[in-house]
Amino acid sequence: MADTDLGLTDREKELKKWEAPYRYQEFPKMLFRGMTTTQGRVEVERRIVAGEREETLAKESGWANSSAQAAAVETGRQEALGTAAAERAWDDRRVSAAAQAEVAVAEAATTRHLGEIPRRPVKRKSHKKKKPSPPPPPPDEGV
């Protein structure tokens, strides 16, 4: 077989390998997810998926096809959280002093908006009447 690369440098030989018509490949594919930083800015995280199954799992956990879409989803999520926190603050005006103290403790424990205050479990009192215990057995008489 004749060598058709006579007279080419190593660099030119390598470049010749890559000179081919474009052929579309679906994978690997880049996915994006929006994240809010501690300063309140939305940044976009990137991830490469190798196949359709991996892409499906990633999209179920919040990854998107474009960075603009990922940023818009995160911004919408933050706006919804802020709205929920504002509605909760409006409703908290009408709760008891004990409940307001509980809200203050929950808000002091975090720097984020709380759309809902976690409820403490309440121990319910039983209203069932206890059955009277049976009378003690008579003492044994000598047989």
C-alpha atoms as a PDB file:
ATOM      1  CA  MET A   1       0.000   0.000   0.000  1.00  0.00           C
ATOM      2  CA  ALA A   2       1.418   3.359  -0.987  1.00  0.00           C
ATOM      3  CA  ASP A   3       1.870   6.082   1.617  1.00  0.00           C
ATOM      4  CA  THR A   4      -0.156   9.099   0.410  1.00  0.00           C
ATOM      5  CA  ASP A   5       1.109  11.300   3.268  1.00  0.00           C
ATOM      6  CA  LEU A   6       4.620  11.694   1.857  1.00  0.00           C
ATOM      7  CA  GLY A   7       6.108  15.051   2.627  1.00  0.00           C
ATOM      8  CA  LEU A   8       3.557  15.979   5.350  1.00  0.00           C
ATOM      9  CA  THR A   9       4.600  16.953   8.848  1.00  0.00           C
ATOM     10  CA  ASP A  10       3.199  15.156  11.884  1.00  0.00           C
ATOM     11  CA  ARG A  11       0.908  18.129  12.582  1.00  0.00           C
ATOM     12  CA  GLU A  12      -0.443  18.103   9.025  1.00  0.00           C
ATOM     13  CA  LYS A  13      -1.062  14.342   9.258  1.00  0.00           C
ATOM     14  CA  GLU A  14      -3.023  14.813  12.516  1.00  0.00           C
ATOM     15  CA  LEU A  15      -5.100  17.640  11.041  1.00  0.00           C
ATOM     16  CA  LYS A  16      -5.896  15.508   7.999  1.00  0.00           C
ATOM     17  CA  LYS A  17      -7.434  12.843  10.296  1.00  0.00           C
ATOM     18  CA  TRP A  18      -9.918  15.401  11.600  1.00  0.00           C
ATOM     19  CA  GLU A  19     -10.939  16.804   8.234  1.00  0.00           C
ATOM     20  CA  ALA A  20     -14.230  15.042   7.699  1.00  0.00           C
ATOM     21  CA  PRO A  21     -17.770  16.192   6.982  1.00  0.00           C
ATOM     22  CA  TYR A  22     -19.883  17.066  10.018  1.00  0.00           C
ATOM     23  CA  ARG A  23     -21.968  14.184  11.335  1.00  0.00           C
ATOM     24  CA  TYR A  24     -24.580  14.871  14.056  1.00  0.00           C
ATOM     25  CA  GLN A  25     -24.281  12.859  17.271  1.00  0.00           C
ATOM     26  CA  GLU A  26     -26.912  13.221  19.965  1.00  0.00           C
ATOM     27  CA  PHE A  27     -24.572  12.128  22.757  1.00  0.00           C
ATOM     28  CA  PRO A  28     -22.522  13.171  24.656  1.00  0.00           C
ATOM     29  CA  LYS A  29     -24.789  16.099  25.482  1.00  0.00           C
ATOM     30  CA  MET A  30     -24.405  19.078  27.820  1.00  0.00           C
ATOM     31  CA  LEU A  31     -27.174  19.804  30.345  1.00  0.00           C
ATOM     32  CA  PHE A  32     -27.565  22.818  32.630  1.00  0.00           C
ATOM     33  CA  ARG A  33     -28.994  23.530  36.093  1.00  0.00           C
ATOM     34  CA  GLY A  34     -29.521  26.911  37.754  1.00  0.00           C
ATOM     35  CA  MET A  35     -28.294  27.456  41.304  1.00  0.00           C
ATOM     36  CA  THR A  36     -28.688  30.470  43.578  1.00  0.00           C
ATOM     37  CA  THR A  37     -25.475  31.588  45.263  1.00  0.00           C
ATOM     38  CA  THR A  38     -25.218  32.923  48.789  1.00  0.00           C
ATOM     39  CA  GLN A  39     -25.149  36.446  47.328  1.00  0.00           C
ATOM     40  CA  GLY A  40     -28.506  35.825  45.646  1.00  0.00           C
ATOM     41  CA  ARG A  41     -27.237  35.544  42.061  1.00  0.00           C
ATOM     42  CA  VAL A  42     -28.294  32.723  39.762  1.00  0.00           C
ATOM     43  CA  GLU A  43     -25.383  30.736  38.348  1.00  0.00           C
ATOM     44  CA  VAL A  44     -25.588  27.860  35.895  1.00  0.00           C
ATOM     45  CA  GLU A  45     -23.942  24.505  36.540  1.00  0.00           C
ATOM     46  CA  ARG A  46     -22.987  22.258  33.607  1.00  0.00           C
ATOM     47  CA  ARG A  47     -23.053  18.487  33.243  1.00  0.00           C
ATOM     48  CA  ILE A  48     -22.288  16.116  30.380  1.00  0.00           C
ATOM     49  CA  VAL A  49     -24.467  13.043  29.919  1.00  0.00           C
ATOM     50  CA  ALA A  50     -23.391  10.053  27.869  1.00  0.00           C
ATOM     51  CA  GLY A  51     -26.703   8.433  27.010  1.00  0.00           C
ATOM     52  CA  GLU A  52     -30.482   8.685  26.919  1.00  0.00           C
ATOM     53  CA  ARG A  53     -31.014   6.974  30.285  1.00  0.00           C
ATOM     54  CA  GLU A  54     -28.565   9.283  32.023  1.00  0.00           C
ATOM     55  CA  GLU A  55     -30.250  12.284  30.369  1.00  0.00           C
ATOM     56  CA  THR A  56     -33.697  11.181  31.586  1.00  0.00           C
ATOM     57  CA  LEU A  57     -32.449  10.768  35.159  1.00  0.00           C
ATOM     58  CA  ALA A  58     -30.750  14.175  35.065  1.00  0.00           C
ATOM     59  CA  LYS A  59     -33.840  15.957  33.724  1.00  0.00           C
ATOM     60  CA  GLU A  60     -35.973  14.387  36.464  1.00  0.00           C
ATOM     61  CA  SER A  61     -33.674  15.974  39.029  1.00  0.00           C
ATOM     62  CA  GLY A  62     -33.875  19.494  37.565  1.00  0.00           C
ATOM     63  CA  TRP A  63     -31.399  19.677  34.670  1.00  0.00           C
ATOM     64  CA  ALA A  64     -32.396  21.515  31.452  1.00  0.00           C
ATOM     65  CA  ASN A  65     -31.288  21.599  27.797  1.00  0.00           C
ATOM     66  CA  SER A  66     -30.150  25.245  27.761  1.00  0.00           C
ATOM     67  CA  SER A  67     -28.508  27.592  30.229  1.00  0.00           C
ATOM     68  CA  ALA A  68     -31.206  30.235  29.693  1.00  0.00           C
ATOM     69  CA  GLN A  69     -33.941  27.715  30.499  1.00  0.00           C
ATOM     70  CA  ALA A  70     -32.080  26.546  33.620  1.00  0.00           C
ATOM     71  CA  ALA A  71     -31.633  30.131  34.860  1.00  0.00           C
ATOM     72  CA  ALA A  72     -35.319  30.904  34.205  1.00  0.00           C
ATOM     73  CA  VAL A  73     -36.441  27.811  36.145  1.00  0.00           C
ATOM     74  CA  GLU A  74     -34.250  28.739  39.132  1.00  0.00           C
ATOM     75  CA  THR A  75     -35.423  32.359  39.071  1.00  0.00           C
ATOM     76  CA  GLY A  76     -39.055  31.195  38.991  1.00  0.00           C
ATOM     77  CA  ARG A  77     -38.420  28.811  41.882  1.00  0.00           C
ATOM     78  CA  GLN A  78     -36.893  31.592  43.973  1.00  0.00           C
ATOM     79  CA  GLU A  79     -39.789  33.945  43.161  1.00  0.00           C
ATOM     80  CA  ALA A  80     -42.331  31.299  44.187  1.00  0.00           C
ATOM     81  CA  LEU A  81     -40.451  30.727  47.439  1.00  0.00           C
ATOM     82  CA  GLY A  82     -40.416  34.474  48.141  1.00  0.00           C
ATOM     83  CA  THR A  83     -44.141  34.727  47.447  1.00  0.00           C
ATOM     84  CA  ALA A  84     -44.872  31.818  49.783  1.00  0.00           C
ATOM     85  CA  ALA A  85     -42.770  33.458  52.516  1.00  0.00           C
ATOM     86  CA  ALA A  86     -44.621  36.766  52.080  1.00  0.00           C
ATOM     87  CA  GLU A  87     -47.994  35.027  52.280  1.00  0.00           C
ATOM     88  CA  ARG A  88     -46.880  33.175  55.404  1.00  0.00           C
ATOM     89  CA  ALA A  89     -45.686  36.423  56.998  1.00  0.00           C
ATOM     90  CA  TRP A  90     -49.088  37.991  56.246  1.00  0.00           C
ATOM     91  CA  ASP A  91     -50.913  35.077  57.851  1.00  0.00           C
ATOM     92  CA  ASP A  92     -48.577  35.051  60.878  1.00  0.00           C
ATOM     93  CA  ARG A  93     -50.002  38.373  62.007  1.00  0.00           C
ATOM     94  CA  ARG A  94     -53.164  36.607  63.130  1.00  0.00           C
ATOM     95  CA  VAL A  95     -51.613  33.782  65.159  1.00  0.00           C
ATOM     96  CA  SER A  96     -51.154  33.568  68.921  1.00  0.00           C
ATOM     97  CA  ALA A  97     -48.156  34.982  70.770  1.00  0.00           C
ATOM     98  CA  ALA A  98     -46.835  31.456  71.417  1.00  0.00           C
ATOM     99  CA  ALA A  99     -47.021  30.656  67.697  1.00  0.00           C
ATOM    100  CA  GLN A 100     -45.295  33.954  66.830  1.00  0.00           C
ATOM    101  CA  ALA A 101     -42.469  33.049  69.219  1.00  0.00           C
ATOM    102  CA  GLU A 102     -42.141  29.664  67.498  1.00  0.00           C
ATOM    103  CA  VAL A 103     -41.986  31.433  64.100  1.00  0.00           C
ATOM    104  CA  ALA A 104     -39.262  33.777  65.379  1.00  0.00           C
ATOM    105  CA  VAL A 105     -37.158  30.815  66.526  1.00  0.00           C
ATOM    106  CA  ALA A 106     -37.553  29.063  63.149  1.00  0.00           C
ATOM    107  CA  GLU A 107     -36.640  32.215  61.199  1.00  0.00           C
ATOM    108  CA  ALA A 108     -33.589  32.860  63.390  1.00  0.00           C
ATOM    109  CA  ALA A 109     -32.292  29.370  62.593  1.00  0.00           C
ATOM    110  CA  THR A 110     -31.923  30.067  58.838  1.00  0.00           C
ATOM    111  CA  THR A 111     -30.988  32.839  56.425  1.00  0.00           C
ATOM    112  CA  ARG A 112     -33.406  31.685  53.726  1.00  0.00           C
ATOM    113  CA  HIS A 113     -37.054  32.436  53.118  1.00  0.00           C
ATOM    114  CA  LEU A 114     -39.359  30.049  54.911  1.00  0.00           C
ATOM    115  CA  GLY A 115     -42.516  29.484  52.942  1.00  0.00           C
ATOM    116  CA  GLU A 116     -43.761  27.255  55.728  1.00  0.00           C
ATOM    117  CA  ILE A 117     -42.756  26.810  59.355  1.00  0.00           C
ATOM    118  CA  PRO A 118     -42.104  23.159  60.240  1.00  0.00           C
ATOM    119  CA  ARG A 119     -44.707  21.954  62.695  1.00  0.00           C
ATOM    120  CA  ARG A 120     -43.765  20.453  65.995  1.00  0.00           C
ATOM    121  CA  PRO A 121     -45.613  17.238  66.776  1.00  0.00           C
ATOM    122  CA  VAL A 122     -48.474  17.722  69.215  1.00  0.00           C
ATOM    123  CA  LYS A 123     -49.122  14.967  71.717  1.00  0.00           C
ATOM    124  CA  ARG A 124     -52.828  14.339  71.723  1.00  0.00           C
ATOM    125  CA  LYS A 125     -54.621  13.560  74.927  1.00  0.00           C
ATOM    126  CA  SER A 126     -56.693  10.455  74.987  1.00  0.00           C
ATOM    127  CA  HIS A 127     -60.365  10.974  75.777  1.00  0.00           C
ATOM    128  CA  LYS A 128     -61.114   7.302  76.169  1.00  0.00           C
ATOM    129  CA  LYS A 129     -62.413   6.291  79.565  1.00  0.00           C
ATOM    130  CA  LYS A 130     -60.325   3.666  81.197  1.00  0.00           C
ATOM    131  CA  LYS A 131     -62.084   0.464  82.026  1.00  0.00           C
ATOM    132  CA  PRO A 132     -62.202  -0.243  85.742  1.00  0.00           C
ATOM    133  CA  SER A 133     -59.740  -2.890  86.755  1.00  0.00           C
ATOM    134  CA  PRO A 134     -61.281  -6.174  87.922  1.00  0.00           C
ATOM    135  CA  PRO A 135     -61.486  -6.681  91.691  1.00  0.00           C
ATOM    136  CA  PRO A 136     -58.627  -8.632  93.235  1.00  0.00           C
ATOM    137  CA  PRO A 137     -59.222 -12.371  93.692  1.00  0.00           C
ATOM    138  CA  PRO A 138     -60.352 -13.523  97.139  1.00  0.00           C
ATOM    139  CA  PRO A 139     -57.585 -14.707  99.435  1.00  0.00           C
ATOM    140  CA  ASP A 140     -56.883 -18.428  99.413  1.00  0.00           C
ATOM    141  CA  GLU A 141     -58.499 -20.230 102.315  1.00  0.00           C
ATOM    142  CA  GLY A 142     -56.776 -23.286 103.716  1.00  0.00           C
ATOM    143  CA  VAL A 143     -58.071 -26.363 102.014  1.00  0.00           C
END
